[in-house]
Amino acid sequence: MTISRDDVLRVAELAHLELTPDEAEMYRGQLDEILNYVGKLQQLDLTNVEPMTQMSFATGETTSPLPESNQEAGTPLRDDIVRPCTVADAVLSQAPDAIKPFFRVPKVIER
């Protein structure tokens, strides 16, 4: 796959980046190399390849194949418990221009 200079400039515009012509060409070349490499990877036949071992950062142990849930892998997750926010009123009362439940801020993006 080949990426064009116009593609690079469009992505830069969306990211609010100002690129010089030299930078645009440099990034075009780099992105083109990345996309070509990904294209090569997509051609690989992985039908008989087992999933790779996954490291658990919590215990330092490895598991393979991939676990069905995060708890089995030892990933430290807390239970999802809905709790009321008890600091919202105090925080909003200190804001210069708040209208509950929102902060009002000046516009920073001109586009």
PDB file of N, CA and C in Angstrom:
ATOM      1  N   MET A   1       0.852  -1.190   0.000  1.00  0.00           N
ATOM      2  CA  MET A   1       0.000   0.000   0.000  1.00  0.00           C
ATOM      3  C   MET A   1       0.883   1.233   0.000  1.00  0.00           C
ATOM      4  N   THR A   2       0.521   2.196  -0.776  1.00  0.00           N
ATOM      5  CA  THR A   2       1.283   3.435  -0.859  1.00  0.00           C
ATOM      6  C   THR A   2       0.450   4.568  -0.284  1.00  0.00           C
ATOM      7  N   ILE A   3       1.073   5.348   0.578  1.00  0.00           N
ATOM      8  CA  ILE A   3       0.389   6.499   1.168  1.00  0.00           C
ATOM      9  C   ILE A   3       0.859   7.750   0.429  1.00  0.00           C
ATOM     10  N   SER A   4      -0.071   8.617   0.142  1.00  0.00           N
ATOM     11  CA  SER A   4       0.267   9.817  -0.626  1.00  0.00           C
ATOM     12  C   SER A   4       0.590  10.981   0.305  1.00  0.00           C
ATOM     13  N   ARG A   5       1.198  11.981  -0.280  1.00  0.00           N
ATOM     14  CA  ARG A   5       1.505  13.202   0.478  1.00  0.00           C
ATOM     15  C   ARG A   5       0.204  13.850   0.960  1.00  0.00           C
ATOM     16  N   ASP A   6      -0.839  13.798   0.135  1.00  0.00           N
ATOM     17  CA  ASP A   6      -2.139  14.362   0.524  1.00  0.00           C
ATOM     18  C   ASP A   6      -2.717  13.630   1.736  1.00  0.00           C
ATOM     19  N   ASP A   7      -2.509  12.294   1.795  1.00  0.00           N
ATOM     20  CA  ASP A   7      -2.967  11.530   2.957  1.00  0.00           C
ATOM     21  C   ASP A   7      -2.267  12.010   4.227  1.00  0.00           C
ATOM     22  N   VAL A   8      -0.956  12.211   4.124  1.00  0.00           N
ATOM     23  CA  VAL A   8      -0.180  12.679   5.280  1.00  0.00           C
ATOM     24  C   VAL A   8      -0.658  14.059   5.707  1.00  0.00           C
ATOM     25  N   LEU A   9      -0.879  14.937   4.750  1.00  0.00           N
ATOM     26  CA  LEU A   9      -1.334  16.292   5.086  1.00  0.00           C
ATOM     27  C   LEU A   9      -2.728  16.279   5.701  1.00  0.00           C
ATOM     28  N   ARG A  10      -3.583  15.386   5.249  1.00  0.00           N
ATOM     29  CA  ARG A  10      -4.938  15.283   5.810  1.00  0.00           C
ATOM     30  C   ARG A  10      -4.881  14.797   7.252  1.00  0.00           C
ATOM     31  N   VAL A  11      -4.061  13.781   7.527  1.00  0.00           N
ATOM     32  CA  VAL A  11      -3.910  13.287   8.898  1.00  0.00           C
ATOM     33  C   VAL A  11      -3.311  14.382   9.786  1.00  0.00           C
ATOM     34  N   ALA A  12      -2.333  15.100   9.272  1.00  0.00           N
ATOM     35  CA  ALA A  12      -1.729  16.195  10.029  1.00  0.00           C
ATOM     36  C   ALA A  12      -2.764  17.273  10.339  1.00  0.00           C
ATOM     37  N   GLU A  13      -3.616  17.562   9.379  1.00  0.00           N
ATOM     38  CA  GLU A  13      -4.675  18.559   9.600  1.00  0.00           C
ATOM     39  C   GLU A  13      -5.637  18.090  10.689  1.00  0.00           C
ATOM     40  N   LEU A  14      -6.022  16.824  10.636  1.00  0.00           N
ATOM     41  CA  LEU A  14      -6.935  16.290  11.652  1.00  0.00           C
ATOM     42  C   LEU A  14      -6.306  16.312  13.046  1.00  0.00           C
ATOM     43  N   ALA A  15      -4.986  16.140  13.099  1.00  0.00           N
ATOM     44  CA  ALA A  15      -4.271  16.146  14.373  1.00  0.00           C
ATOM     45  C   ALA A  15      -3.816  17.553  14.767  1.00  0.00           C
ATOM     46  N   HIS A  16      -4.190  18.543  13.977  1.00  0.00           N
ATOM     47  CA  HIS A  16      -3.808  19.942  14.212  1.00  0.00           C
ATOM     48  C   HIS A  16      -2.286  20.095  14.262  1.00  0.00           C
ATOM     49  N   LEU A  17      -1.600  19.440  13.322  1.00  0.00           N
ATOM     50  CA  LEU A  17      -0.149  19.542  13.210  1.00  0.00           C
ATOM     51  C   LEU A  17       0.200  20.376  11.997  1.00  0.00           C
ATOM     52  N   GLU A  18       1.185  21.218  12.137  1.00  0.00           N
ATOM     53  CA  GLU A  18       1.682  21.993  11.008  1.00  0.00           C
ATOM     54  C   GLU A  18       3.001  21.367  10.575  1.00  0.00           C
ATOM     55  N   LEU A  19       3.026  20.797   9.391  1.00  0.00           N
ATOM     56  CA  LEU A  19       4.218  20.134   8.888  1.00  0.00           C
ATOM     57  C   LEU A  19       4.866  20.954   7.780  1.00  0.00           C
ATOM     58  N   THR A  20       6.179  20.978   7.802  1.00  0.00           N
ATOM     59  CA  THR A  20       6.905  21.569   6.682  1.00  0.00           C
ATOM     60  C   THR A  20       6.848  20.576   5.532  1.00  0.00           C
ATOM     61  N   PRO A  21       7.133  21.023   4.308  1.00  0.00           N
ATOM     62  CA  PRO A  21       7.151  20.080   3.178  1.00  0.00           C
ATOM     63  C   PRO A  21       8.141  18.923   3.399  1.00  0.00           C
ATOM     64  N   ASP A  22       9.298  19.217   4.014  1.00  0.00           N
ATOM     65  CA  ASP A  22      10.275  18.154   4.291  1.00  0.00           C
ATOM     66  C   ASP A  22       9.735  17.154   5.307  1.00  0.00           C
ATOM     67  N   GLU A  23       9.055  17.647   6.349  1.00  0.00           N
ATOM     68  CA  GLU A  23       8.472  16.747   7.348  1.00  0.00           C
ATOM     69  C   GLU A  23       7.378  15.885   6.736  1.00  0.00           C
ATOM     70  N   ALA A  24       6.541  16.482   5.903  1.00  0.00           N
ATOM     71  CA  ALA A  24       5.465  15.721   5.263  1.00  0.00           C
ATOM     72  C   ALA A  24       6.042  14.583   4.415  1.00  0.00           C
ATOM     73  N   GLU A  25       7.110  14.856   3.698  1.00  0.00           N
ATOM     74  CA  GLU A  25       7.732  13.816   2.872  1.00  0.00           C
ATOM     75  C   GLU A  25       8.395  12.751   3.739  1.00  0.00           C
ATOM     76  N   MET A  26       9.044  13.175   4.826  1.00  0.00           N
ATOM     77  CA  MET A  26       9.679  12.220   5.728  1.00  0.00           C
ATOM     78  C   MET A  26       8.629  11.277   6.340  1.00  0.00           C
ATOM     79  N   TYR A  27       7.519  11.842   6.821  1.00  0.00           N
ATOM     80  CA  TYR A  27       6.456  11.028   7.417  1.00  0.00           C
ATOM     81  C   TYR A  27       5.766  10.153   6.377  1.00  0.00           C
ATOM     82  N   ARG A  28       5.634  10.658   5.154  1.00  0.00           N
ATOM     83  CA  ARG A  28       5.040   9.851   4.099  1.00  0.00           C
ATOM     84  C   ARG A  28       5.874   8.588   3.873  1.00  0.00           C
ATOM     85  N   GLY A  29       7.185   8.757   3.806  1.00  0.00           N
ATOM     86  CA  GLY A  29       8.070   7.615   3.616  1.00  0.00           C
ATOM     87  C   GLY A  29       8.002   6.638   4.779  1.00  0.00           C
ATOM     88  N   GLN A  30       7.993   7.166   6.008  1.00  0.00           N
ATOM     89  CA  GLN A  30       7.933   6.303   7.185  1.00  0.00           C
ATOM     90  C   GLN A  30       6.606   5.547   7.259  1.00  0.00           C
ATOM     91  N   LEU A  31       5.519   6.249   7.022  1.00  0.00           N
ATOM     92  CA  LEU A  31       4.205   5.592   7.064  1.00  0.00           C
ATOM     93  C   LEU A  31       4.070   4.566   5.952  1.00  0.00           C
ATOM     94  N   ASP A  32       4.635   4.858   4.802  1.00  0.00           N
ATOM     95  CA  ASP A  32       4.593   3.915   3.691  1.00  0.00           C
ATOM     96  C   ASP A  32       5.343   2.629   4.052  1.00  0.00           C
ATOM     97  N   GLU A  33       6.501   2.756   4.702  1.00  0.00           N
ATOM     98  CA  GLU A  33       7.260   1.584   5.136  1.00  0.00           C
ATOM     99  C   GLU A  33       6.467   0.767   6.154  1.00  0.00           C
ATOM    100  N   ILE A  34       5.823   1.429   7.095  1.00  0.00           N
ATOM    101  CA  ILE A  34       5.031   0.738   8.120  1.00  0.00           C
ATOM    102  C   ILE A  34       3.884  -0.023   7.469  1.00  0.00           C
ATOM    103  N   LEU A  35       3.159   0.635   6.576  1.00  0.00           N
ATOM    104  CA  LEU A  35       2.022  -0.017   5.931  1.00  0.00           C
ATOM    105  C   LEU A  35       2.465  -1.196   5.062  1.00  0.00           C
ATOM    106  N   ASN A  36       3.601  -1.084   4.395  1.00  0.00           N
ATOM    107  CA  ASN A  36       4.123  -2.201   3.613  1.00  0.00           C
ATOM    108  C   ASN A  36       4.485  -3.373   4.513  1.00  0.00           C
ATOM    109  N   TYR A  37       5.068  -3.103   5.665  1.00  0.00           N
ATOM    110  CA  TYR A  37       5.425  -4.159   6.609  1.00  0.00           C
ATOM    111  C   TYR A  37       4.173  -4.854   7.145  1.00  0.00           C
ATOM    112  N   VAL A  38       3.159  -4.080   7.487  1.00  0.00           N
ATOM    113  CA  VAL A  38       1.901  -4.663   7.959  1.00  0.00           C
ATOM    114  C   VAL A  38       1.285  -5.518   6.858  1.00  0.00           C
ATOM    115  N   GLY A  39       1.388  -5.082   5.623  1.00  0.00           N
ATOM    116  CA  GLY A  39       0.888  -5.879   4.501  1.00  0.00           C
ATOM    117  C   GLY A  39       1.585  -7.223   4.404  1.00  0.00           C
ATOM    118  N   LYS A  40       2.898  -7.239   4.644  1.00  0.00           N
ATOM    119  CA  LYS A  40       3.642  -8.500   4.642  1.00  0.00           C
ATOM    120  C   LYS A  40       3.172  -9.404   5.781  1.00  0.00           C
ATOM    121  N   LEU A  41       2.933  -8.821   6.966  1.00  0.00           N
ATOM    122  CA  LEU A  41       2.478  -9.608   8.114  1.00  0.00           C
ATOM    123  C   LEU A  41       1.108 -10.223   7.858  1.00  0.00           C
ATOM    124  N   GLN A  42       0.258  -9.509   7.144  1.00  0.00           N
ATOM    125  CA  GLN A  42      -1.080 -10.022   6.858  1.00  0.00           C
ATOM    126  C   GLN A  42      -1.051 -11.212   5.909  1.00  0.00           C
ATOM    127  N   GLN A  43       0.038 -11.406   5.200  1.00  0.00           N
ATOM    128  CA  GLN A  43       0.154 -12.524   4.264  1.00  0.00           C
ATOM    129  C   GLN A  43       0.551 -13.820   4.964  1.00  0.00           C
ATOM    130  N   LEU A  44       0.963 -13.760   6.230  1.00  0.00           N
ATOM    131  CA  LEU A  44       1.413 -14.956   6.940  1.00  0.00           C
ATOM    132  C   LEU A  44       0.253 -15.907   7.216  1.00  0.00           C
ATOM    133  N   ASP A  45       0.517 -17.211   7.090  1.00  0.00           N
ATOM    134  CA  ASP A  45      -0.473 -18.235   7.404  1.00  0.00           C
ATOM    135  C   ASP A  45      -0.321 -18.602   8.878  1.00  0.00           C
ATOM    136  N   LEU A  46      -1.280 -18.223   9.701  1.00  0.00           N
ATOM    137  CA  LEU A  46      -1.222 -18.455  11.137  1.00  0.00           C
ATOM    138  C   LEU A  46      -2.247 -19.478  11.604  1.00  0.00           C
ATOM    139  N   THR A  47      -2.740 -20.320  10.698  1.00  0.00           N
ATOM    140  CA  THR A  47      -3.810 -21.250  11.062  1.00  0.00           C
ATOM    141  C   THR A  47      -3.377 -22.265  12.110  1.00  0.00           C
ATOM    142  N   ASN A  48      -2.126 -22.678  12.126  1.00  0.00           N
ATOM    143  CA  ASN A  48      -1.667 -23.680  13.090  1.00  0.00           C
ATOM    144  C   ASN A  48      -0.790 -23.092  14.192  1.00  0.00           C
ATOM    145  N   VAL A  49      -0.862 -21.805  14.409  1.00  0.00           N
ATOM    146  CA  VAL A  49      -0.041 -21.145  15.419  1.00  0.00           C
ATOM    147  C   VAL A  49      -0.853 -20.996  16.704  1.00  0.00           C
ATOM    148  N   GLU A  50      -0.298 -21.509  17.796  1.00  0.00           N
ATOM    149  CA  GLU A  50      -0.959 -21.392  19.105  1.00  0.00           C
ATOM    150  C   GLU A  50      -0.805 -19.966  19.627  1.00  0.00           C
ATOM    151  N   PRO A  51      -1.751 -19.535  20.464  1.00  0.00           N
ATOM    152  CA  PRO A  51      -1.595 -18.210  21.077  1.00  0.00           C
ATOM    153  C   PRO A  51      -0.310 -18.153  21.897  1.00  0.00           C
ATOM    154  N   MET A  52       0.281 -16.979  21.948  1.00  0.00           N
ATOM    155  CA  MET A  52       1.534 -16.826  22.678  1.00  0.00           C
ATOM    156  C   MET A  52       1.277 -16.763  24.173  1.00  0.00           C
ATOM    157  N   THR A  53       2.315 -17.002  24.941  1.00  0.00           N
ATOM    158  CA  THR A  53       2.237 -16.923  26.396  1.00  0.00           C
ATOM    159  C   THR A  53       1.998 -15.478  26.792  1.00  0.00           C
ATOM    160  N   GLN A  54       1.176 -15.287  27.812  1.00  0.00           N
ATOM    161  CA  GLN A  54       0.879 -13.950  28.291  1.00  0.00           C
ATOM    162  C   GLN A  54       1.420 -13.803  29.700  1.00  0.00           C
ATOM    163  N   MET A  55       2.112 -12.723  29.960  1.00  0.00           N
ATOM    164  CA  MET A  55       2.716 -12.471  31.261  1.00  0.00           C
ATOM    165  C   MET A  55       1.724 -11.757  32.159  1.00  0.00           C
ATOM    166  N   SER A  56       1.610 -12.215  33.396  1.00  0.00           N
ATOM    167  CA  SER A  56       0.779 -11.535  34.378  1.00  0.00           C
ATOM    168  C   SER A  56       1.664 -10.597  35.173  1.00  0.00           C
ATOM    169  N   PHE A  57       1.382  -9.298  35.108  1.00  0.00           N
ATOM    170  CA  PHE A  57       2.200  -8.328  35.812  1.00  0.00           C
ATOM    171  C   PHE A  57       1.997  -8.399  37.323  1.00  0.00           C
ATOM    172  N   ALA A  58       0.869  -8.922  37.762  1.00  0.00           N
ATOM    173  CA  ALA A  58       0.588  -8.995  39.188  1.00  0.00           C
ATOM    174  C   ALA A  58       1.430 -10.061  39.878  1.00  0.00           C
ATOM    175  N   THR A  59       1.571 -11.227  39.263  1.00  0.00           N
ATOM    176  CA  THR A  59       2.260 -12.338  39.927  1.00  0.00           C
ATOM    177  C   THR A  59       3.597 -12.671  39.299  1.00  0.00           C
ATOM    178  N   GLY A  60       3.853 -12.179  38.093  1.00  0.00           N
ATOM    179  CA  GLY A  60       5.082 -12.520  37.405  1.00  0.00           C
ATOM    180  C   GLY A  60       5.030 -13.895  36.762  1.00  0.00           C
ATOM    181  N   GLU A  61       3.870 -14.567  36.849  1.00  0.00           N
ATOM    182  CA  GLU A  61       3.724 -15.900  36.268  1.00  0.00           C
ATOM    183  C   GLU A  61       3.236 -15.778  34.827  1.00  0.00           C
ATOM    184  N   THR A  62       3.410 -16.853  34.089  1.00  0.00           N
ATOM    185  CA  THR A  62       2.914 -16.872  32.719  1.00  0.00           C
ATOM    186  C   THR A  62       1.756 -17.837  32.611  1.00  0.00           C
ATOM    187  N   THR A  63       0.880 -17.550  31.695  1.00  0.00           N
ATOM    188  CA  THR A  63      -0.247 -18.434  31.418  1.00  0.00           C
ATOM    189  C   THR A  63      -0.316 -18.650  29.925  1.00  0.00           C
ATOM    190  N   SER A  64      -0.702 -19.836  29.520  1.00  0.00           N
ATOM    191  CA  SER A  64      -0.855 -20.142  28.106  1.00  0.00           C
ATOM    192  C   SER A  64      -1.724 -21.377  27.979  1.00  0.00           C
ATOM    193  N   PRO A  65      -2.687 -21.441  27.082  1.00  0.00           N
ATOM    194  CA  PRO A  65      -3.141 -20.348  26.222  1.00  0.00           C
ATOM    195  C   PRO A  65      -3.790 -19.238  27.035  1.00  0.00           C
ATOM    196  N   LEU A  66      -4.230 -18.226  26.329  1.00  0.00           N
ATOM    197  CA  LEU A  66      -4.779 -17.056  26.998  1.00  0.00           C
ATOM    198  C   LEU A  66      -5.931 -17.429  27.915  1.00  0.00           C
ATOM    199  N   PRO A  67      -5.987 -16.846  29.101  1.00  0.00           N
ATOM    200  CA  PRO A  67      -7.039 -17.175  30.062  1.00  0.00           C
ATOM    201  C   PRO A  67      -8.396 -16.670  29.603  1.00  0.00           C
ATOM    202  N   GLU A  68      -9.447 -17.311  30.145  1.00  0.00           N
ATOM    203  CA  GLU A  68     -10.802 -16.894  29.787  1.00  0.00           C
ATOM    204  C   GLU A  68     -11.199 -15.599  30.482  1.00  0.00           C
ATOM    205  N   SER A  69     -10.657 -15.333  31.651  1.00  0.00           N
ATOM    206  CA  SER A  69     -10.990 -14.094  32.363  1.00  0.00           C
ATOM    207  C   SER A  69      -9.729 -13.499  32.955  1.00  0.00           C
ATOM    208  N   ASN A  70      -9.776 -12.239  33.299  1.00  0.00           N
ATOM    209  CA  ASN A  70      -8.628 -11.559  33.870  1.00  0.00           C
ATOM    210  C   ASN A  70      -8.266 -12.106  35.253  1.00  0.00           C
ATOM    211  N   GLN A  71      -9.247 -12.549  36.029  1.00  0.00           N
ATOM    212  CA  GLN A  71      -8.971 -13.076  37.347  1.00  0.00           C
ATOM    213  C   GLN A  71      -8.065 -14.293  37.257  1.00  0.00           C
ATOM    214  N   GLU A  72      -8.281 -15.171  36.277  1.00  0.00           N
ATOM    215  CA  GLU A  72      -7.452 -16.355  36.144  1.00  0.00           C
ATOM    216  C   GLU A  72      -6.007 -15.981  35.839  1.00  0.00           C
ATOM    217  N   ALA A  73      -5.783 -14.874  35.182  1.00  0.00           N
ATOM    218  CA  ALA A  73      -4.426 -14.473  34.832  1.00  0.00           C
ATOM    219  C   ALA A  73      -3.735 -13.786  35.998  1.00  0.00           C
ATOM    220  N   GLY A  74      -4.466 -13.493  37.057  1.00  0.00           N
ATOM    221  CA  GLY A  74      -3.877 -12.818  38.197  1.00  0.00           C
ATOM    222  C   GLY A  74      -3.851 -11.314  38.056  1.00  0.00           C
ATOM    223  N   THR A  75      -4.562 -10.776  37.094  1.00  0.00           N
ATOM    224  CA  THR A  75      -4.606  -9.337  36.913  1.00  0.00           C
ATOM    225  C   THR A  75      -5.393  -8.716  38.063  1.00  0.00           C
ATOM    226  N   PRO A  76      -4.787  -7.776  38.784  1.00  0.00           N
ATOM    227  CA  PRO A  76      -5.486  -7.200  39.941  1.00  0.00           C
ATOM    228  C   PRO A  76      -6.541  -6.194  39.513  1.00  0.00           C
ATOM    229  N   LEU A  77      -7.785  -6.622  39.508  1.00  0.00           N
ATOM    230  CA  LEU A  77      -8.883  -5.737  39.156  1.00  0.00           C
ATOM    231  C   LEU A  77      -9.799  -5.591  40.364  1.00  0.00           C
ATOM    232  N   ARG A  78     -10.280  -4.389  40.581  1.00  0.00           N
ATOM    233  CA  ARG A  78     -11.233  -4.199  41.672  1.00  0.00           C
ATOM    234  C   ARG A  78     -12.634  -4.428  41.143  1.00  0.00           C
ATOM    235  N   ASP A  79     -13.552  -4.719  42.036  1.00  0.00           N
ATOM    236  CA  ASP A  79     -14.941  -4.889  41.638  1.00  0.00           C
ATOM    237  C   ASP A  79     -15.515  -3.556  41.189  1.00  0.00           C
ATOM    238  N   ASP A  80     -16.376  -3.596  40.190  1.00  0.00           N
ATOM    239  CA  ASP A  80     -17.054  -2.397  39.719  1.00  0.00           C
ATOM    240  C   ASP A  80     -18.224  -2.097  40.641  1.00  0.00           C
ATOM    241  N   ILE A  81     -18.049  -1.134  41.511  1.00  0.00           N
ATOM    242  CA  ILE A  81     -19.092  -0.761  42.461  1.00  0.00           C
ATOM    243  C   ILE A  81     -19.435   0.706  42.224  1.00  0.00           C
ATOM    244  N   VAL A  82     -20.693   0.984  41.971  1.00  0.00           N
ATOM    245  CA  VAL A  82     -21.127   2.361  41.756  1.00  0.00           C
ATOM    246  C   VAL A  82     -21.187   3.048  43.110  1.00  0.00           C
ATOM    247  N   ARG A  83     -20.494   4.178  43.203  1.00  0.00           N
ATOM    248  CA  ARG A  83     -20.472   4.935  44.459  1.00  0.00           C
ATOM    249  C   ARG A  83     -20.824   6.388  44.145  1.00  0.00           C
ATOM    250  N   PRO A  84     -21.553   7.032  45.018  1.00  0.00           N
ATOM    251  CA  PRO A  84     -21.888   8.434  44.760  1.00  0.00           C
ATOM    252  C   PRO A  84     -20.651   9.326  44.881  1.00  0.00           C
ATOM    253  N   CYS A  85     -20.630  10.372  44.087  1.00  0.00           N
ATOM    254  CA  CYS A  85     -19.537  11.334  44.147  1.00  0.00           C
ATOM    255  C   CYS A  85     -19.839  12.321  45.273  1.00  0.00           C
ATOM    256  N   THR A  86     -18.970  12.362  46.254  1.00  0.00           N
ATOM    257  CA  THR A  86     -19.227  13.217  47.416  1.00  0.00           C
ATOM    258  C   THR A  86     -18.469  14.534  47.365  1.00  0.00           C
ATOM    259  N   VAL A  87     -17.639  14.738  46.340  1.00  0.00           N
ATOM    260  CA  VAL A  87     -16.835  15.952  46.277  1.00  0.00           C
ATOM    261  C   VAL A  87     -17.255  16.905  45.170  1.00  0.00           C
ATOM    262  N   ALA A  88     -18.230  16.520  44.359  1.00  0.00           N
ATOM    263  CA  ALA A  88     -18.603  17.337  43.203  1.00  0.00           C
ATOM    264  C   ALA A  88     -19.036  18.742  43.598  1.00  0.00           C
ATOM    265  N   ASP A  89     -19.886  18.875  44.607  1.00  0.00           N
ATOM    266  CA  ASP A  89     -20.351  20.206  45.005  1.00  0.00           C
ATOM    267  C   ASP A  89     -19.201  21.076  45.515  1.00  0.00           C
ATOM    268  N   ALA A  90     -18.301  20.489  46.288  1.00  0.00           N
ATOM    269  CA  ALA A  90     -17.161  21.246  46.820  1.00  0.00           C
ATOM    270  C   ALA A  90     -16.241  21.714  45.694  1.00  0.00           C
ATOM    271  N   VAL A  91     -16.008  20.863  44.732  1.00  0.00           N
ATOM    272  CA  VAL A  91     -15.129  21.220  43.619  1.00  0.00           C
ATOM    273  C   VAL A  91     -15.789  22.287  42.749  1.00  0.00           C
ATOM    274  N   LEU A  92     -17.056  22.105  42.414  1.00  0.00           N
ATOM    275  CA  LEU A  92     -17.744  23.085  41.571  1.00  0.00           C
ATOM    276  C   LEU A  92     -17.882  24.438  42.259  1.00  0.00           C
ATOM    277  N   SER A  93     -17.988  24.452  43.573  1.00  0.00           N
ATOM    278  CA  SER A  93     -18.122  25.725  44.289  1.00  0.00           C
ATOM    279  C   SER A  93     -16.854  26.562  44.193  1.00  0.00           C
ATOM    280  N   GLN A  94     -15.726  25.936  43.896  1.00  0.00           N
ATOM    281  CA  GLN A  94     -14.465  26.662  43.777  1.00  0.00           C
ATOM    282  C   GLN A  94     -14.171  27.115  42.346  1.00  0.00           C
ATOM    283  N   ALA A  95     -14.966  26.653  41.395  1.00  0.00           N
ATOM    284  CA  ALA A  95     -14.743  27.013  40.000  1.00  0.00           C
ATOM    285  C   ALA A  95     -15.278  28.411  39.743  1.00  0.00           C
ATOM    286  N   PRO A  96     -14.587  29.210  38.919  1.00  0.00           N
ATOM    287  CA  PRO A  96     -15.009  30.592  38.692  1.00  0.00           C
ATOM    288  C   PRO A  96     -16.318  30.736  37.927  1.00  0.00           C
ATOM    289  N   ASP A  97     -16.639  29.799  37.044  1.00  0.00           N
ATOM    290  CA  ASP A  97     -17.825  29.958  36.212  1.00  0.00           C
ATOM    291  C   ASP A  97     -18.482  28.597  35.981  1.00  0.00           C
ATOM    292  N   ALA A  98     -19.007  27.994  37.035  1.00  0.00           N
ATOM    293  CA  ALA A  98     -19.591  26.655  36.934  1.00  0.00           C
ATOM    294  C   ALA A  98     -21.111  26.739  36.963  1.00  0.00           C
ATOM    295  N   ILE A  99     -21.730  25.875  36.190  1.00  0.00           N
ATOM    296  CA  ILE A  99     -23.173  25.687  36.235  1.00  0.00           C
ATOM    297  C   ILE A  99     -23.368  24.193  36.444  1.00  0.00           C
ATOM    298  N   LYS A 100     -23.889  23.832  37.601  1.00  0.00           N
ATOM    299  CA  LYS A 100     -23.982  22.414  37.959  1.00  0.00           C
ATOM    300  C   LYS A 100     -24.644  21.617  36.859  1.00  0.00           C
ATOM    301  N   PRO A 101     -24.143  20.476  36.515  1.00  0.00           N
ATOM    302  CA  PRO A 101     -22.956  19.765  37.004  1.00  0.00           C
ATOM    303  C   PRO A 101     -21.732  19.980  36.126  1.00  0.00           C
ATOM    304  N   PHE A 102     -21.617  21.149  35.470  1.00  0.00           N
ATOM    305  CA  PHE A 102     -20.553  21.350  34.490  1.00  0.00           C
ATOM    306  C   PHE A 102     -19.623  22.479  34.886  1.00  0.00           C
ATOM    307  N   PHE A 103     -18.361  22.381  34.417  1.00  0.00           N
ATOM    308  CA  PHE A 103     -17.418  23.484  34.461  1.00  0.00           C
ATOM    309  C   PHE A 103     -17.564  24.233  33.152  1.00  0.00           C
ATOM    310  N   ARG A 104     -17.517  25.548  33.202  1.00  0.00           N
ATOM    311  CA  ARG A 104     -17.499  26.340  31.972  1.00  0.00           C
ATOM    312  C   ARG A 104     -16.076  26.838  31.794  1.00  0.00           C
ATOM    313  N   VAL A 105     -15.527  26.629  30.603  1.00  0.00           N
ATOM    314  CA  VAL A 105     -14.154  27.028  30.318  1.00  0.00           C
ATOM    315  C   VAL A 105     -14.125  27.794  29.013  1.00  0.00           C
ATOM    316  N   PRO A 106     -13.097  28.622  28.822  1.00  0.00           N
ATOM    317  CA  PRO A 106     -12.999  29.361  27.565  1.00  0.00           C
ATOM    318  C   PRO A 106     -12.693  28.420  26.405  1.00  0.00           C
ATOM    319  N   LYS A 107     -13.152  28.801  25.234  1.00  0.00           N
ATOM    320  CA  LYS A 107     -12.898  28.027  24.024  1.00  0.00           C
ATOM    321  C   LYS A 107     -11.406  28.085  23.718  1.00  0.00           C
ATOM    322  N   VAL A 108     -10.804  26.922  23.449  1.00  0.00           N
ATOM    323  CA  VAL A 108      -9.382  26.892  23.174  1.00  0.00           C
ATOM    324  C   VAL A 108      -9.061  26.421  21.764  1.00  0.00           C
ATOM    325  N   ILE A 109     -10.027  25.837  21.074  1.00  0.00           N
ATOM    326  CA  ILE A 109      -9.794  25.354  19.720  1.00  0.00           C
ATOM    327  C   ILE A 109     -10.507  26.296  18.759  1.00  0.00           C
ATOM    328  N   GLU A 110      -9.747  26.867  17.847  1.00  0.00           N
ATOM    329  CA  GLU A 110     -10.302  27.870  16.939  1.00  0.00           C
ATOM    330  C   GLU A 110     -10.867  27.267  15.658  1.00  0.00           C
ATOM    331  N   ARG A 111     -10.575  26.001  15.361  1.00  0.00           N
ATOM    332  CA  ARG A 111     -11.017  25.411  14.111  1.00  0.00           C
ATOM    333  C   ARG A 111     -12.436  24.986  14.176  1.00  0.00           C
TER     334      ARG A 111
END
